[in-house]
Amino acid sequence: MGGSVVDTRLFIVLLPILAAASWAIYNIGKILLLQFTKRS
């Protein structure tokens, strides 16, 4: 495979983006859950 270097770079670029996205989704879900439990 000649494109292993490109794949590695792509992985290095995508990893922090995926981490930030999952962290944001986790925080939003936690806030929504808190809001939902406050109402009931």
N, C-alpha and C. Protein backbone atom coordinates (compact mmCIF):
# COMPACT_ATOMS: atom_id res chain seq x y z
N MET A 1 0.84 -1.20 0.00
CA MET A 1 0.00 0.00 0.00
C MET A 1 0.88 1.26 0.00
N GLY A 2 0.73 2.10 -1.01
CA GLY A 2 1.54 3.31 -1.09
C GLY A 2 0.93 4.49 -0.35
N GLY A 3 -0.36 4.38 -0.01
CA GLY A 3 -1.04 5.52 0.61
C GLY A 3 -1.09 5.45 2.12
N SER A 4 -0.19 4.69 2.73
CA SER A 4 -0.22 4.54 4.18
C SER A 4 0.15 5.84 4.89
N VAL A 5 1.04 6.63 4.27
CA VAL A 5 1.44 7.91 4.87
C VAL A 5 0.26 8.88 4.88
N VAL A 6 -0.49 8.89 3.78
CA VAL A 6 -1.67 9.76 3.69
C VAL A 6 -2.71 9.33 4.71
N ASP A 7 -2.90 8.02 4.85
CA ASP A 7 -3.86 7.51 5.82
C ASP A 7 -3.47 7.90 7.24
N THR A 8 -2.18 7.85 7.53
CA THR A 8 -1.71 8.21 8.86
C THR A 8 -1.94 9.70 9.12
N ARG A 9 -1.64 10.53 8.13
CA ARG A 9 -1.88 11.97 8.28
C ARG A 9 -3.36 12.25 8.47
N LEU A 10 -4.19 11.58 7.67
CA LEU A 10 -5.63 11.76 7.76
C LEU A 10 -6.13 11.36 9.14
N PHE A 11 -5.60 10.27 9.67
CA PHE A 11 -5.99 9.80 10.99
C PHE A 11 -5.59 10.81 12.06
N ILE A 12 -4.37 11.36 11.93
CA ILE A 12 -3.87 12.34 12.90
C ILE A 12 -4.73 13.61 12.86
N VAL A 13 -5.20 13.98 11.66
CA VAL A 13 -6.04 15.17 11.52
C VAL A 13 -7.45 14.91 12.05
N LEU A 14 -7.98 13.72 11.75
CA LEU A 14 -9.36 13.42 12.12
C LEU A 14 -9.53 13.09 13.60
N LEU A 15 -8.47 12.57 14.22
CA LEU A 15 -8.59 12.12 15.61
C LEU A 15 -9.00 13.24 16.56
N PRO A 16 -8.33 14.41 16.57
CA PRO A 16 -8.78 15.49 17.47
C PRO A 16 -10.16 16.02 17.11
N ILE A 17 -10.51 15.99 15.82
CA ILE A 17 -11.84 16.45 15.40
C ILE A 17 -12.91 15.51 15.95
N LEU A 18 -12.67 14.20 15.83
CA LEU A 18 -13.61 13.22 16.35
C LEU A 18 -13.69 13.30 17.87
N ALA A 19 -12.56 13.53 18.51
CA ALA A 19 -12.53 13.64 19.97
C ALA A 19 -13.33 14.86 20.42
N ALA A 20 -13.15 15.99 19.73
CA ALA A 20 -13.87 17.21 20.08
C ALA A 20 -15.37 17.04 19.82
N ALA A 21 -15.71 16.37 18.73
CA ALA A 21 -17.12 16.16 18.40
C ALA A 21 -17.80 15.26 19.42
N SER A 22 -17.14 14.17 19.80
CA SER A 22 -17.72 13.26 20.78
C SER A 22 -17.82 13.93 22.15
N TRP A 23 -16.83 14.76 22.50
CA TRP A 23 -16.86 15.50 23.76
C TRP A 23 -18.03 16.48 23.78
N ALA A 24 -18.26 17.18 22.63
CA ALA A 24 -19.36 18.13 22.53
C ALA A 24 -20.70 17.41 22.63
N ILE A 25 -20.83 16.27 21.94
CA ILE A 25 -22.06 15.49 21.99
C ILE A 25 -22.32 14.98 23.41
N TYR A 26 -21.26 14.58 24.09
CA TYR A 26 -21.38 14.10 25.47
C TYR A 26 -21.87 15.22 26.38
N ASN A 27 -21.28 16.40 26.24
CA ASN A 27 -21.67 17.53 27.08
C ASN A 27 -23.10 17.98 26.80
N ILE A 28 -23.48 18.03 25.51
CA ILE A 28 -24.84 18.42 25.14
C ILE A 28 -25.84 17.41 25.69
N GLY A 29 -25.51 16.13 25.57
CA GLY A 29 -26.40 15.09 26.09
C GLY A 29 -26.55 15.18 27.59
N LYS A 30 -25.46 15.51 28.28
CA LYS A 30 -25.50 15.64 29.74
C LYS A 30 -26.37 16.82 30.15
N ILE A 31 -26.25 17.93 29.43
CA ILE A 31 -27.05 19.12 29.72
C ILE A 31 -28.53 18.84 29.45
N LEU A 32 -28.81 18.18 28.33
CA LEU A 32 -30.19 17.85 28.01
C LEU A 32 -30.78 16.92 29.06
N LEU A 33 -29.98 15.98 29.53
CA LEU A 33 -30.45 15.05 30.55
C LEU A 33 -30.75 15.79 31.85
N LEU A 34 -29.89 16.74 32.21
CA LEU A 34 -30.12 17.53 33.42
C LEU A 34 -31.38 18.37 33.29
N GLN A 35 -31.58 18.99 32.13
CA GLN A 35 -32.78 19.79 31.90
C GLN A 35 -34.03 18.91 31.97
N PHE A 36 -33.94 17.71 31.42
CA PHE A 36 -35.08 16.80 31.40
C PHE A 36 -35.43 16.33 32.81
N THR A 37 -34.41 16.07 33.63
CA THR A 37 -34.66 15.59 34.99
C THR A 37 -35.15 16.73 35.88
N LYS A 38 -34.78 17.97 35.56
CA LYS A 38 -35.26 19.11 36.34
C LYS A 38 -36.75 19.33 36.14
N ARG A 39 -37.22 19.14 34.91
CA ARG A 39 -38.62 19.39 34.59
C ARG A 39 -39.54 18.39 35.27
N SER A 40 -39.14 17.14 35.28
CA SER A 40 -40.01 16.09 35.81
C SER A 40 -39.99 16.03 37.33
